[in-house]
Amino acid sequence: MTENTYSSNDWLDHEDELSTGDLALEERAALRRVAGLSTELEDVTEVEYRQLRLERVVLVGVWTEGTTADSDASMAELALLAETAGSEVLEGLVQRRERPDPATYIGSGKVHELRDVVIATGADTVICDGELSPGQLRQLEEKLKVKVVDRTALILDIFAQHASTREGKAQVEMAQLQYLLPRLRGWGESLSRQAGGRAGGGNGGVGLRGPGETKLETDRRRIRARISKLRREIAAMSVIRETKRHRRVANSVPNVAIAGYTNAGKSSLLNALTGAGVLVQDALFATLDPTTRRTETPEGLAYTLTDTVGFVRHLPHQLVEAFRSTLEEVADADLLVHVVDGSDAMPEKQVMAVREVIREISSRRDDPMPTELLVVNKVDAVGELGMARLRHLFPTAVFVSAHTGEGIADLRERIAAMTPRPEVVVDALVPYARGELVARVHREGEVLKERHTEEGTELSARVRPDLAGVLEKFAVNGSRA
């Protein structure tokens, strides 16, 4: 019998080869969902909280507008969301209606059909492709006899799985509580009223006699208090992010934000451009915490690249609110690199969904939309006919493959051309004793002409105002454009 040995030195060598993303991927895979576990409703602090496990699910959607292809694409995305959350999709049903039924979302007749499908497939969960009202949720669960989850709860569950930093976890928890607040079960047997201070005694005074606070009201008060605390914590953490952002602005380093639909390949693109080694996973919402890396244009001008959280059609407004400080990285960018999945069946829908969210963020701050560079990724997975369609849809886009490296050099050139450039031209004679200034000009500015003389380094360069002010005392003939 051959014994495999693995020395400590081998392990250290293996560990050195792993990037930050590899380590994060191993950590994420270390805790796996186990098939076959039953699904139950779990009470946390006496408040019903739906926790998704590896479940056998049936999908159901209501087709109210658009084409059949739109409906199919929405259901396919819901299936991918369910699988990302760790569920096994058994069946998908779509109903054509002018509008969702206000009582049961799909109508009473279709509920019976859906119940038959649930029994036949052995499903333990139904996922609806929309946001259900508390009444619709309750009616469906009573009639189907299984747990019902809507699209919003599904996305929140995925975010909860992938949040790793303190800020990310706080943002997800706040979004979940905001979603849960109007959906608390009301007036059940377990929510009996608590007696008031002198309830029933007749001595409480006007307006004070009668029952006291209900259990439901207590739960709501606790949740509101927790939301307020989380909002303060997120605000405090956003101050740190804002400080870092102001430091970059003070150093006049342009900020390029990478945004786009979830699983469009944003993190892969960041790695291809900078070698950052961040987590890359073929899953929706793999990235929740922004990653910023410093890189340079081919001419040597420094700028930062920030990878941001992905968007999706009908992104829950609770998440937009909770992740506002994170999403503001996009609104504050000097250049927005908008990544589109070229292998998707309907990439134009992705573009519309992302622009809608960015427009909402910018309007809240009364800021103009940032300059956009559209990048179509995953072209290695698209045939000739698909490429022709993409070039027709997005004539000004850059077509790349972060996986193979195709088009990355062209993308670097386009980013360099669209990144804000230094606007002040200075002619200066910098003494050799101040060599750090010459190095800074090379690092932060654009050198137009350079000559070494007996007195020092003679420079003609395009720099930003802060550096121009430092070089002003060395200006030749007081020149400053």
Foldseek 3Di string as FASTA:
>chain_A
DDDDDQDPVNVVVVVVPAAQQNVVVCVLVVDDADPPDDADFDADVNWTDHADGAWEEEEEEEDQDDDPVVVVQLVVVLCQLCVLLRYHYDYYYYHYDNAQDLQARPDPVVLVVVLVVCVVRVGQEYEYADDHALRNQVVSCVSNVHHYHYPQSSVLSSQCSQDDDPLSNLLSVLLSLVSRLNNTDPDDPVFDFAAFPCEPVPPLDPPRHDTDHTPNNVVNVVSVVSSVVSVVVNVVVLVVVVVVVVVCVVLVAAEEEEAFAFQLCQVLLVCLQAVNSHHDDNGGFNDAAKDKDWDAFPLQAIHIYIYHTYFDACNDVSSCVSCLSRCVSQVPGQEYEYGFALPDPCRVVRVVRRVVSQVVSCVVVVHDHHHYAYEYEPCVNPDPVSVVVVCVVPVRHQYAYSVVGPRSSVVSVVCVVSTDAFAKWFWFFDAPVVVVLVVSCSNHWRWPDWDADPRHITTTTRHHPVSCVVRQVRTDVSDMD
